[in-house]
């Protein structure tokens, strides 16, 4: 599965209304469509978290004293970038509506 292109995401940053008939058209079942999109949202969230932690680790400064807090300008900029991103569920819904999520129903496929 490809990692999500965060910079070019067309997902909404704020709440938008989605046409229910368009959303469940591929599966014919609203609950199945929600389940698929929610599983993709968990994957996206995991990818974002991993990427963020890797980037923040680059700027980490370790100290023996727990009282000292080091603020690094680069760390702050990275954090701000991730805070401004659309939420993972919005990204997953966008992928779903653009038909970019591969899914299959193993019960119907007979596997």
PDB file of N, CA and C in Angstrom:
ATOM      1  N   UNK A   1       0.840  -1.172   0.000  1.00  0.00           N
ATOM      2  CA  UNK A   1       0.000   0.000   0.000  1.00  0.00           C
ATOM      3  C   UNK A   1       0.888   1.240   0.000  1.00  0.00           C
ATOM      4  N   UNK A   2       0.593   2.197  -0.842  1.00  0.00           N
ATOM      5  CA  UNK A   2       1.396   3.401  -0.932  1.00  0.00           C
ATOM      6  C   UNK A   2       1.168   4.290   0.275  1.00  0.00           C
ATOM      7  N   UNK A   3       2.238   4.979   0.663  1.00  0.00           N
ATOM      8  CA  UNK A   3       2.066   5.930   1.745  1.00  0.00           C
ATOM      9  C   UNK A   3       1.277   7.112   1.224  1.00  0.00           C
ATOM     10  N   UNK A   4       0.557   7.716   2.104  1.00  0.00           N
ATOM     11  CA  UNK A   4      -0.323   8.809   1.735  1.00  0.00           C
ATOM     12  C   UNK A   4       0.483  10.060   1.440  1.00  0.00           C
ATOM     13  N   UNK A   5       0.186  10.760   0.364  1.00  0.00           N
ATOM     14  CA  UNK A   5       0.873  11.995   0.010  1.00  0.00           C
ATOM     15  C   UNK A   5       0.255  13.132   0.812  1.00  0.00           C
ATOM     16  N   UNK A   6       0.878  13.463   1.923  1.00  0.00           N
ATOM     17  CA  UNK A   6       0.310  14.436   2.853  1.00  0.00           C
ATOM     18  C   UNK A   6       0.244  15.843   2.286  1.00  0.00           C
ATOM     19  N   UNK A   7       1.267  16.245   1.557  1.00  0.00           N
ATOM     20  CA  UNK A   7       1.322  17.615   1.055  1.00  0.00           C
ATOM     21  C   UNK A   7       0.271  17.887  -0.007  1.00  0.00           C
ATOM     22  N   UNK A   8      -0.108  16.880  -0.754  1.00  0.00           N
ATOM     23  CA  UNK A   8      -1.059  17.069  -1.849  1.00  0.00           C
ATOM     24  C   UNK A   8      -2.437  16.489  -1.544  1.00  0.00           C
ATOM     25  N   UNK A   9      -2.739  16.324  -0.291  1.00  0.00           N
ATOM     26  CA  UNK A   9      -4.034  15.778   0.100  1.00  0.00           C
ATOM     27  C   UNK A   9      -5.158  16.734  -0.267  1.00  0.00           C
ATOM     28  N   UNK A  10      -6.182  16.205  -0.890  1.00  0.00           N
ATOM     29  CA  UNK A  10      -7.343  17.009  -1.253  1.00  0.00           C
ATOM     30  C   UNK A  10      -8.473  16.821  -0.241  1.00  0.00           C
ATOM     31  N   UNK A  11      -8.177  16.135   0.842  1.00  0.00           N
ATOM     32  CA  UNK A  11      -9.187  15.880   1.865  1.00  0.00           C
ATOM     33  C   UNK A  11      -9.547  17.178   2.573  1.00  0.00           C
ATOM     34  N   UNK A  12     -10.785  17.252   3.003  1.00  0.00           N
ATOM     35  CA  UNK A  12     -11.271  18.440   3.700  1.00  0.00           C
ATOM     36  C   UNK A  12     -10.639  18.549   5.083  1.00  0.00           C
ATOM     37  N   UNK A  13     -10.285  19.774   5.454  1.00  0.00           N
ATOM     38  CA  UNK A  13      -9.708  20.015   6.774  1.00  0.00           C
ATOM     39  C   UNK A  13     -10.816  20.158   7.809  1.00  0.00           C
ATOM     40  N   UNK A  14     -11.965  20.641   7.363  1.00  0.00           N
ATOM     41  CA  UNK A  14     -13.103  20.773   8.271  1.00  0.00           C
ATOM     42  C   UNK A  14     -14.197  19.775   7.882  1.00  0.00           C
ATOM     43  N   UNK A  15     -15.229  19.721   8.668  1.00  0.00           N
ATOM     44  CA  UNK A  15     -16.311  18.778   8.455  1.00  0.00           C
ATOM     45  C   UNK A  15     -17.107  19.110   7.190  1.00  0.00           C
ATOM     46  N   UNK A  16     -17.362  18.094   6.388  1.00  0.00           N
ATOM     47  CA  UNK A  16     -18.180  18.262   5.186  1.00  0.00           C
ATOM     48  C   UNK A  16     -19.248  17.169   5.159  1.00  0.00           C
ATOM     49  N   UNK A  17     -20.345  17.467   4.515  1.00  0.00           N
ATOM     50  CA  UNK A  17     -21.414  16.493   4.360  1.00  0.00           C
ATOM     51  C   UNK A  17     -21.159  15.671   3.106  1.00  0.00           C
ATOM     52  N   UNK A  18     -21.328  14.366   3.247  1.00  0.00           N
ATOM     53  CA  UNK A  18     -21.098  13.456   2.117  1.00  0.00           C
ATOM     54  C   UNK A  18     -22.430  12.820   1.746  1.00  0.00           C
ATOM     55  N   UNK A  19     -22.671  12.691   0.449  1.00  0.00           N
ATOM     56  CA  UNK A  19     -23.891  12.065  -0.042  1.00  0.00           C
ATOM     57  C   UNK A  19     -23.852  10.579   0.316  1.00  0.00           C
ATOM     58  N   UNK A  20     -24.806  10.153   1.134  1.00  0.00           N
ATOM     59  CA  UNK A  20     -24.858   8.765   1.592  1.00  0.00           C
ATOM     60  C   UNK A  20     -24.942   7.787   0.430  1.00  0.00           C
ATOM     61  N   UNK A  21     -25.742   8.112  -0.565  1.00  0.00           N
ATOM     62  CA  UNK A  21     -25.898   7.215  -1.716  1.00  0.00           C
ATOM     63  C   UNK A  21     -24.592   7.053  -2.496  1.00  0.00           C
ATOM     64  N   UNK A  22     -23.823   8.110  -2.582  1.00  0.00           N
ATOM     65  CA  UNK A  22     -22.523   8.037  -3.256  1.00  0.00           C
ATOM     66  C   UNK A  22     -21.536   7.241  -2.407  1.00  0.00           C
ATOM     67  N   UNK A  23     -21.605   7.406  -1.089  1.00  0.00           N
ATOM     68  CA  UNK A  23     -20.662   6.761  -0.180  1.00  0.00           C
ATOM     69  C   UNK A  23     -20.811   5.246  -0.174  1.00  0.00           C
ATOM     70  N   UNK A  24     -22.051   4.747  -0.139  1.00  0.00           N
ATOM     71  CA  UNK A  24     -22.236   3.295  -0.051  1.00  0.00           C
ATOM     72  C   UNK A  24     -22.546   2.641  -1.400  1.00  0.00           C
ATOM     73  N   UNK A  25     -22.374   3.380  -2.485  1.00  0.00           N
ATOM     74  CA  UNK A  25     -22.680   2.862  -3.817  1.00  0.00           C
ATOM     75  C   UNK A  25     -21.823   1.647  -4.175  1.00  0.00           C
ATOM     76  N   UNK A  26     -20.550   1.655  -3.817  1.00  0.00           N
ATOM     77  CA  UNK A  26     -19.638   0.568  -4.206  1.00  0.00           C
ATOM     78  C   UNK A  26     -19.963  -0.749  -3.507  1.00  0.00           C
ATOM     79  N   UNK A  27     -20.417  -0.662  -2.268  1.00  0.00           N
ATOM     80  CA  UNK A  27     -20.679  -1.882  -1.509  1.00  0.00           C
ATOM     81  C   UNK A  27     -22.159  -2.218  -1.429  1.00  0.00           C
ATOM     82  N   UNK A  28     -23.006  -1.215  -1.550  1.00  0.00           N
ATOM     83  CA  UNK A  28     -24.440  -1.426  -1.382  1.00  0.00           C
ATOM     84  C   UNK A  28     -24.835  -1.547   0.083  1.00  0.00           C
ATOM     85  N   UNK A  29     -23.887  -1.318   0.963  1.00  0.00           N
ATOM     86  CA  UNK A  29     -24.131  -1.453   2.400  1.00  0.00           C
ATOM     87  C   UNK A  29     -23.361  -0.345   3.122  1.00  0.00           C
ATOM     88  N   UNK A  30     -24.076   0.546   3.785  1.00  0.00           N
ATOM     89  CA  UNK A  30     -23.446   1.690   4.443  1.00  0.00           C
ATOM     90  C   UNK A  30     -22.482   1.245   5.534  1.00  0.00           C
ATOM     91  N   UNK A  31     -22.827   0.190   6.258  1.00  0.00           N
ATOM     92  CA  UNK A  31     -21.968  -0.278   7.351  1.00  0.00           C
ATOM     93  C   UNK A  31     -20.660  -0.869   6.823  1.00  0.00           C
ATOM     94  N   UNK A  32     -20.735  -1.575   5.729  1.00  0.00           N
ATOM     95  CA  UNK A  32     -19.530  -2.137   5.118  1.00  0.00           C
ATOM     96  C   UNK A  32     -18.626  -1.019   4.602  1.00  0.00           C
ATOM     97  N   UNK A  33     -19.222  -0.005   3.975  1.00  0.00           N
ATOM     98  CA  UNK A  33     -18.452   1.127   3.461  1.00  0.00           C
ATOM     99  C   UNK A  33     -17.770   1.878   4.609  1.00  0.00           C
ATOM    100  N   UNK A  34     -18.489   2.081   5.703  1.00  0.00           N
ATOM    101  CA  UNK A  34     -17.908   2.758   6.871  1.00  0.00           C
ATOM    102  C   UNK A  34     -16.779   1.925   7.452  1.00  0.00           C
ATOM    103  N   UNK A  35     -16.963   0.630   7.522  1.00  0.00           N
ATOM    104  CA  UNK A  35     -15.935  -0.258   8.054  1.00  0.00           C
ATOM    105  C   UNK A  35     -14.662  -0.203   7.222  1.00  0.00           C
ATOM    106  N   UNK A  36     -14.798  -0.216   5.916  1.00  0.00           N
ATOM    107  CA  UNK A  36     -13.643  -0.160   5.027  1.00  0.00           C
ATOM    108  C   UNK A  36     -12.913   1.172   5.194  1.00  0.00           C
ATOM    109  N   UNK A  37     -13.664   2.269   5.187  1.00  0.00           N
ATOM    110  CA  UNK A  37     -13.051   3.593   5.325  1.00  0.00           C
ATOM    111  C   UNK A  37     -12.400   3.762   6.698  1.00  0.00           C
ATOM    112  N   UNK A  38     -13.017   3.213   7.729  1.00  0.00           N
ATOM    113  CA  UNK A  38     -12.435   3.364   9.069  1.00  0.00           C
ATOM    114  C   UNK A  38     -11.145   2.555   9.205  1.00  0.00           C
ATOM    115  N   UNK A  39     -11.094   1.383   8.583  1.00  0.00           N
ATOM    116  CA  UNK A  39      -9.856   0.600   8.612  1.00  0.00           C
ATOM    117  C   UNK A  39      -8.741   1.324   7.868  1.00  0.00           C
ATOM    118  N   UNK A  40      -9.070   1.980   6.777  1.00  0.00           N
ATOM    119  CA  UNK A  40      -8.069   2.766   6.043  1.00  0.00           C
ATOM    120  C   UNK A  40      -7.630   3.973   6.874  1.00  0.00           C
ATOM    121  N   UNK A  41      -8.550   4.585   7.603  1.00  0.00           N
ATOM    122  CA  UNK A  41      -8.204   5.727   8.457  1.00  0.00           C
ATOM    123  C   UNK A  41      -7.201   5.310   9.531  1.00  0.00           C
ATOM    124  N   UNK A  42      -7.365   4.122  10.080  1.00  0.00           N
ATOM    125  CA  UNK A  42      -6.422   3.611  11.079  1.00  0.00           C
ATOM    126  C   UNK A  42      -5.045   3.425  10.443  1.00  0.00           C
ATOM    127  N   UNK A  43      -5.006   2.906   9.203  1.00  0.00           N
ATOM    128  CA  UNK A  43      -3.730   2.740   8.498  1.00  0.00           C
ATOM    129  C   UNK A  43      -3.054   4.089   8.252  1.00  0.00           C
ATOM    130  N   UNK A  44      -3.823   5.059   7.792  1.00  0.00           N
ATOM    131  CA  UNK A  44      -3.278   6.396   7.527  1.00  0.00           C
ATOM    132  C   UNK A  44      -2.752   7.011   8.811  1.00  0.00           C
ATOM    133  N   UNK A  45      -3.524   6.898   9.884  1.00  0.00           N
ATOM    134  CA  UNK A  45      -3.103   7.456  11.168  1.00  0.00           C
ATOM    135  C   UNK A  45      -1.785   6.830  11.615  1.00  0.00           C
ATOM    136  N   UNK A  46      -1.662   5.536  11.443  1.00  0.00           N
ATOM    137  CA  UNK A  46      -0.444   4.834  11.820  1.00  0.00           C
ATOM    138  C   UNK A  46       0.745   5.328  10.991  1.00  0.00           C
ATOM    139  N   UNK A  47       0.539   5.510   9.683  1.00  0.00           N
ATOM    140  CA  UNK A  47       1.592   6.005   8.803  1.00  0.00           C
ATOM    141  C   UNK A  47       2.032   7.411   9.204  1.00  0.00           C
ATOM    142  N   UNK A  48       1.061   8.275   9.493  1.00  0.00           N
ATOM    143  CA  UNK A  48       1.358   9.650   9.885  1.00  0.00           C
ATOM    144  C   UNK A  48       2.121   9.674  11.203  1.00  0.00           C
ATOM    145  N   UNK A  49       1.673   8.888  12.155  1.00  0.00           N
ATOM    146  CA  UNK A  49       2.328   8.853  13.463  1.00  0.00           C
ATOM    147  C   UNK A  49       3.766   8.373  13.338  1.00  0.00           C
ATOM    148  N   UNK A  50       3.979   7.327  12.555  1.00  0.00           N
ATOM    149  CA  UNK A  50       5.326   6.796  12.357  1.00  0.00           C
ATOM    150  C   UNK A  50       6.226   7.844  11.712  1.00  0.00           C
ATOM    151  N   UNK A  51       5.719   8.497  10.674  1.00  0.00           N
ATOM    152  CA  UNK A  51       6.494   9.516   9.971  1.00  0.00           C
ATOM    153  C   UNK A  51       6.815  10.695  10.886  1.00  0.00           C
ATOM    154  N   UNK A  52       5.845  11.133  11.673  1.00  0.00           N
ATOM    155  CA  UNK A  52       6.053  12.249  12.596  1.00  0.00           C
ATOM    156  C   UNK A  52       7.111  11.902  13.640  1.00  0.00           C
ATOM    157  N   UNK A  53       7.010  10.721  14.222  1.00  0.00           N
ATOM    158  CA  UNK A  53       7.978  10.320  15.237  1.00  0.00           C
ATOM    159  C   UNK A  53       9.389  10.225  14.664  1.00  0.00           C
ATOM    160  N   UNK A  54       9.507   9.733  13.425  1.00  0.00           N
ATOM    161  CA  UNK A  54      10.816   9.662  12.777  1.00  0.00           C
ATOM    162  C   UNK A  54      11.407  11.046  12.569  1.00  0.00           C
ATOM    163  N   UNK A  55      10.573  11.990  12.132  1.00  0.00           N
ATOM    164  CA  UNK A  55      11.062  13.349  11.900  1.00  0.00           C
ATOM    165  C   UNK A  55      11.439  14.034  13.206  1.00  0.00           C
ATOM    166  N   UNK A  56      10.629  13.852  14.241  1.00  0.00           N
ATOM    167  CA  UNK A  56      10.929  14.481  15.522  1.00  0.00           C
ATOM    168  C   UNK A  56      12.170  13.870  16.168  1.00  0.00           C
ATOM    169  N   UNK A  57      12.397  12.592  15.900  1.00  0.00           N
ATOM    170  CA  UNK A  57      13.569  11.915  16.453  1.00  0.00           C
ATOM    171  C   UNK A  57      14.866  12.538  15.921  1.00  0.00           C
ATOM    172  N   UNK A  58      14.822  13.052  14.702  1.00  0.00           N
ATOM    173  CA  UNK A  58      15.997  13.695  14.119  1.00  0.00           C
ATOM    174  C   UNK A  58      16.450  14.905  14.927  1.00  0.00           C
ATOM    175  N   UNK A  59      15.488  15.587  15.561  1.00  0.00           N
ATOM    176  CA  UNK A  59      15.787  16.811  16.292  1.00  0.00           C
ATOM    177  C   UNK A  59      15.920  16.593  17.795  1.00  0.00           C
ATOM    178  N   UNK A  60      15.793  15.363  18.232  1.00  0.00           N
ATOM    179  CA  UNK A  60      15.793  15.082  19.664  1.00  0.00           C
ATOM    180  C   UNK A  60      17.143  15.414  20.290  1.00  0.00           C
ATOM    181  N   UNK A  61      17.053  16.046  21.444  1.00  0.00           N
ATOM    182  CA  UNK A  61      18.250  16.307  22.250  1.00  0.00           C
ATOM    183  C   UNK A  61      18.000  15.684  23.605  1.00  0.00           C
ATOM    184  N   UNK A  62      18.931  14.860  24.027  1.00  0.00           N
ATOM    185  CA  UNK A  62      18.745  14.130  25.266  1.00  0.00           C
ATOM    186  C   UNK A  62      19.510  14.818  26.384  1.00  0.00           C
ATOM    187  N   UNK A  63      18.891  14.819  27.547  1.00  0.00           N
ATOM    188  CA  UNK A  63      19.485  15.473  28.705  1.00  0.00           C
ATOM    189  C   UNK A  63      19.304  14.577  29.917  1.00  0.00           C
ATOM    190  N   UNK A  64      20.221  14.699  30.855  1.00  0.00           N
ATOM    191  CA  UNK A  64      20.118  13.926  32.093  1.00  0.00           C
ATOM    192  C   UNK A  64      19.037  14.472  33.019  1.00  0.00           C
ATOM    193  N   UNK A  65      18.713  15.728  32.870  1.00  0.00           N
ATOM    194  CA  UNK A  65      17.740  16.359  33.752  1.00  0.00           C
ATOM    195  C   UNK A  65      16.361  16.348  33.103  1.00  0.00           C
ATOM    196  N   UNK A  66      15.389  15.885  33.843  1.00  0.00           N
ATOM    197  CA  UNK A  66      14.016  15.854  33.320  1.00  0.00           C
ATOM    198  C   UNK A  66      13.375  17.235  33.345  1.00  0.00           C
ATOM    199  N   UNK A  67      13.946  18.143  34.094  1.00  0.00           N
ATOM    200  CA  UNK A  67      13.359  19.477  34.239  1.00  0.00           C
ATOM    201  C   UNK A  67      13.661  20.371  33.050  1.00  0.00           C
ATOM    202  N   UNK A  68      14.701  20.061  32.322  1.00  0.00           N
ATOM    203  CA  UNK A  68      15.079  20.883  31.179  1.00  0.00           C
ATOM    204  C   UNK A  68      14.235  20.530  29.963  1.00  0.00           C
ATOM    205  N   UNK A  69      13.687  21.551  29.337  1.00  0.00           N
ATOM    206  CA  UNK A  69      12.902  21.354  28.125  1.00  0.00           C
ATOM    207  C   UNK A  69      13.568  22.143  27.011  1.00  0.00           C
ATOM    208  N   UNK A  70      13.905  21.458  25.960  1.00  0.00           N
ATOM    209  CA  UNK A  70      14.536  22.117  24.828  1.00  0.00           C
ATOM    210  C   UNK A  70      13.505  22.263  23.718  1.00  0.00           C
ATOM    211  N   UNK A  71      13.299  23.506  23.275  1.00  0.00           N
ATOM    212  CA  UNK A  71      12.407  23.748  22.155  1.00  0.00           C
ATOM    213  C   UNK A  71      13.256  24.018  20.930  1.00  0.00           C
ATOM    214  N   UNK A  72      13.045  23.250  19.939  1.00  0.00           N
ATOM    215  CA  UNK A  72      13.797  23.349  18.712  1.00  0.00           C
ATOM    216  C   UNK A  72      12.865  23.915  17.646  1.00  0.00           C
ATOM    217  N   UNK A  73      13.301  24.952  16.954  1.00  0.00           N
ATOM    218  CA  UNK A  73      12.462  25.608  15.951  1.00  0.00           C
ATOM    219  C   UNK A  73      12.009  24.620  14.869  1.00  0.00           C
ATOM    220  N   UNK A  74      12.908  23.750  14.447  1.00  0.00           N
ATOM    221  CA  UNK A  74      12.553  22.770  13.413  1.00  0.00           C
ATOM    222  C   UNK A  74      11.479  21.803  13.917  1.00  0.00           C
ATOM    223  N   UNK A  75      11.606  21.392  15.176  1.00  0.00           N
ATOM    224  CA  UNK A  75      10.603  20.507  15.765  1.00  0.00           C
ATOM    225  C   UNK A  75       9.245  21.177  15.784  1.00  0.00           C
ATOM    226  N   UNK A  76       9.234  22.437  16.138  1.00  0.00           N
ATOM    227  CA  UNK A  76       7.975  23.190  16.208  1.00  0.00           C
ATOM    228  C   UNK A  76       7.350  23.294  14.821  1.00  0.00           C
ATOM    229  N   UNK A  77       8.167  23.560  13.805  1.00  0.00           N
ATOM    230  CA  UNK A  77       7.650  23.658  12.433  1.00  0.00           C
ATOM    231  C   UNK A  77       7.079  22.325  11.955  1.00  0.00           C
ATOM    232  N   UNK A  78       7.764  21.239  12.250  1.00  0.00           N
ATOM    233  CA  UNK A  78       7.280  19.911  11.868  1.00  0.00           C
ATOM    234  C   UNK A  78       5.947  19.636  12.557  1.00  0.00           C
ATOM    235  N   UNK A  79       5.875  19.942  13.833  1.00  0.00           N
ATOM    236  CA  UNK A  79       4.642  19.714  14.590  1.00  0.00           C
ATOM    237  C   UNK A  79       3.493  20.539  14.029  1.00  0.00           C
ATOM    238  N   UNK A  80       3.757  21.796  13.688  1.00  0.00           N
ATOM    239  CA  UNK A  80       2.707  22.660  13.127  1.00  0.00           C
ATOM    240  C   UNK A  80       2.193  22.105  11.806  1.00  0.00           C
ATOM    241  N   UNK A  81       3.118  21.578  10.980  1.00  0.00           N
ATOM    242  CA  UNK A  81       2.713  20.997   9.697  1.00  0.00           C
ATOM    243  C   UNK A  81       1.720  19.857   9.922  1.00  0.00           C
ATOM    244  N   UNK A  82       2.034  18.968  10.858  1.00  0.00           N
ATOM    245  CA  UNK A  82       1.177  17.817  11.109  1.00  0.00           C
ATOM    246  C   UNK A  82      -0.134  18.213  11.775  1.00  0.00           C
ATOM    247  N   UNK A  83      -0.124  19.273  12.563  1.00  0.00           N
ATOM    248  CA  UNK A  83      -1.366  19.742  13.196  1.00  0.00           C
ATOM    249  C   UNK A  83      -2.343  20.296  12.172  1.00  0.00           C
ATOM    250  N   UNK A  84      -1.827  20.860  11.079  1.00  0.00           N
ATOM    251  CA  UNK A  84      -2.675  21.478  10.060  1.00  0.00           C
ATOM    252  C   UNK A  84      -3.225  20.481   9.039  1.00  0.00           C
ATOM    253  N   UNK A  85      -2.736  19.259   9.084  1.00  0.00           N
ATOM    254  CA  UNK A  85      -3.188  18.244   8.124  1.00  0.00           C
ATOM    255  C   UNK A  85      -4.651  17.887   8.337  1.00  0.00           C
ATOM    256  N   UNK A  86      -5.312  17.440   7.274  1.00  0.00           N
ATOM    257  CA  UNK A  86      -6.659  16.886   7.457  1.00  0.00           C
ATOM    258  C   UNK A  86      -6.576  15.653   8.356  1.00  0.00           C
ATOM    259  N   UNK A  87      -7.644  15.355   9.024  1.00  0.00           N
ATOM    260  CA  UNK A  87      -7.675  14.190   9.906  1.00  0.00           C
ATOM    261  C   UNK A  87      -7.637  12.910   9.067  1.00  0.00           C
ATOM    262  N   UNK A  88      -7.098  11.827   9.648  1.00  0.00           N
ATOM    263  CA  UNK A  88      -7.005  10.567   8.904  1.00  0.00           C
ATOM    264  C   UNK A  88      -8.348  10.072   8.360  1.00  0.00           C
ATOM    265  N   UNK A  89      -9.426  10.274   9.110  1.00  0.00           N
ATOM    266  CA  UNK A  89     -10.718   9.801   8.598  1.00  0.00           C
ATOM    267  C   UNK A  89     -11.146  10.604   7.371  1.00  0.00           C
ATOM    268  N   UNK A  90     -10.804  11.894   7.308  1.00  0.00           N
ATOM    269  CA  UNK A  90     -11.140  12.697   6.132  1.00  0.00           C
ATOM    270  C   UNK A  90     -10.320  12.238   4.930  1.00  0.00           C
ATOM    271  N   UNK A  91      -9.055  11.888   5.181  1.00  0.00           N
ATOM    272  CA  UNK A  91      -8.211  11.376   4.105  1.00  0.00           C
ATOM    273  C   UNK A  91      -8.745  10.043   3.587  1.00  0.00           C
ATOM    274  N   UNK A  92      -9.169   9.183   4.507  1.00  0.00           N
ATOM    275  CA  UNK A  92      -9.708   7.873   4.117  1.00  0.00           C
ATOM    276  C   UNK A  92     -11.006   8.038   3.322  1.00  0.00           C
ATOM    277  N   UNK A  93     -11.876   8.932   3.752  1.00  0.00           N
ATOM    278  CA  UNK A  93     -13.123   9.174   3.014  1.00  0.00           C
ATOM    279  C   UNK A  93     -12.826   9.695   1.613  1.00  0.00           C
ATOM    280  N   UNK A  94     -11.846  10.578   1.514  1.00  0.00           N
ATOM    281  CA  UNK A  94     -11.460  11.107   0.216  1.00  0.00           C
ATOM    282  C   UNK A  94     -10.957   9.983  -0.694  1.00  0.00           C
ATOM    283  N   UNK A  95     -10.122   9.107  -0.157  1.00  0.00           N
ATOM    284  CA  UNK A  95      -9.630   7.962  -0.938  1.00  0.00           C
ATOM    285  C   UNK A  95     -10.791   7.069  -1.363  1.00  0.00           C
ATOM    286  N   UNK A  96     -11.718   6.827  -0.455  1.00  0.00           N
ATOM    287  CA  UNK A  96     -12.856   5.965  -0.745  1.00  0.00           C
ATOM    288  C   UNK A  96     -13.704   6.544  -1.879  1.00  0.00           C
ATOM    289  N   UNK A  97     -13.998   7.827  -1.783  1.00  0.00           N
ATOM    290  CA  UNK A  97     -14.846   8.458  -2.793  1.00  0.00           C
ATOM    291  C   UNK A  97     -14.142   8.573  -4.147  1.00  0.00           C
ATOM    292  N   UNK A  98     -12.815   8.623  -4.132  1.00  0.00           N
ATOM    293  CA  UNK A  98     -12.056   8.679  -5.387  1.00  0.00           C
ATOM    294  C   UNK A  98     -11.689   7.286  -5.885  1.00  0.00           C
ATOM    295  N   UNK A  99     -12.232   6.265  -5.242  1.00  0.00           N
ATOM    296  CA  UNK A  99     -12.034   4.861  -5.649  1.00  0.00           C
ATOM    297  C   UNK A  99     -10.554   4.465  -5.634  1.00  0.00           C
ATOM    298  N   UNK A 100      -9.844   4.888  -4.561  1.00  0.00           N
ATOM    299  CA  UNK A 100      -8.422   4.562  -4.430  1.00  0.00           C
ATOM    300  C   UNK A 100      -8.160   3.570  -3.303  1.00  0.00           C
ATOM    301  N   UNK A 101      -9.206   2.945  -2.791  1.00  0.00           N
ATOM    302  CA  UNK A 101      -9.045   1.929  -1.754  1.00  0.00           C
ATOM    303  C   UNK A 101      -9.412   0.580  -2.352  1.00  0.00           C
ATOM    304  N   UNK A 102      -8.476  -0.355  -2.261  1.00  0.00           N
ATOM    305  CA  UNK A 102      -8.749  -1.712  -2.712  1.00  0.00           C
ATOM    306  C   UNK A 102      -9.376  -2.468  -1.546  1.00  0.00           C
ATOM    307  N   UNK A 103     -10.470  -3.133  -1.817  1.00  0.00           N
ATOM    308  CA  UNK A 103     -11.130  -3.926  -0.778  1.00  0.00           C
ATOM    309  C   UNK A 103     -11.751  -5.145  -1.422  1.00  0.00           C
ATOM    310  N   UNK A 104     -11.999  -6.136  -0.590  1.00  0.00           N
ATOM    311  CA  UNK A 104     -12.714  -7.324  -1.063  1.00  0.00           C
ATOM    312  C   UNK A 104     -13.437  -7.935   0.118  1.00  0.00           C
ATOM    313  N   UNK A 105     -14.520  -8.586  -0.177  1.00  0.00           N
ATOM    314  CA  UNK A 105     -15.305  -9.262   0.838  1.00  0.00           C
ATOM    315  C   UNK A 105     -15.015 -10.756   0.697  1.00  0.00           C
ATOM    316  N   UNK A 106     -14.262 -11.296   1.643  1.00  0.00           N
ATOM    317  CA  UNK A 106     -13.855 -12.705   1.531  1.00  0.00           C
ATOM    318  C   UNK A 106     -15.045 -13.653   1.664  1.00  0.00           C
ATOM    319  N   UNK A 107     -16.088 -13.235   2.355  1.00  0.00           N
ATOM    320  CA  UNK A 107     -17.277 -14.094   2.482  1.00  0.00           C
ATOM    321  C   UNK A 107     -17.989 -14.235   1.138  1.00  0.00           C
ATOM    322  N   UNK A 108     -18.053 -13.128   0.390  1.00  0.00           N
ATOM    323  CA  UNK A 108     -18.712 -13.159  -0.920  1.00  0.00           C
ATOM    324  C   UNK A 108     -17.806 -13.794  -1.972  1.00  0.00           C
ATOM    325  N   UNK A 109     -16.486 -13.637  -1.807  1.00  0.00           N
ATOM    326  CA  UNK A 109     -15.534 -14.186  -2.770  1.00  0.00           C
ATOM    327  C   UNK A 109     -15.380 -15.693  -2.614  1.00  0.00           C
ATOM    328  N   UNK A 110     -15.831 -16.218  -1.488  1.00  0.00           N
ATOM    329  CA  UNK A 110     -15.737 -17.641  -1.249  1.00  0.00           C
ATOM    330  C   UNK A 110     -14.350 -18.103  -0.826  1.00  0.00           C
ATOM    331  N   UNK A 111     -13.547 -17.156  -0.297  1.00  0.00           N
ATOM    332  CA  UNK A 111     -12.179 -17.519   0.126  1.00  0.00           C
ATOM    333  C   UNK A 111     -12.121 -17.766   1.602  1.00  0.00           C
TER     334      UNK A 111
END
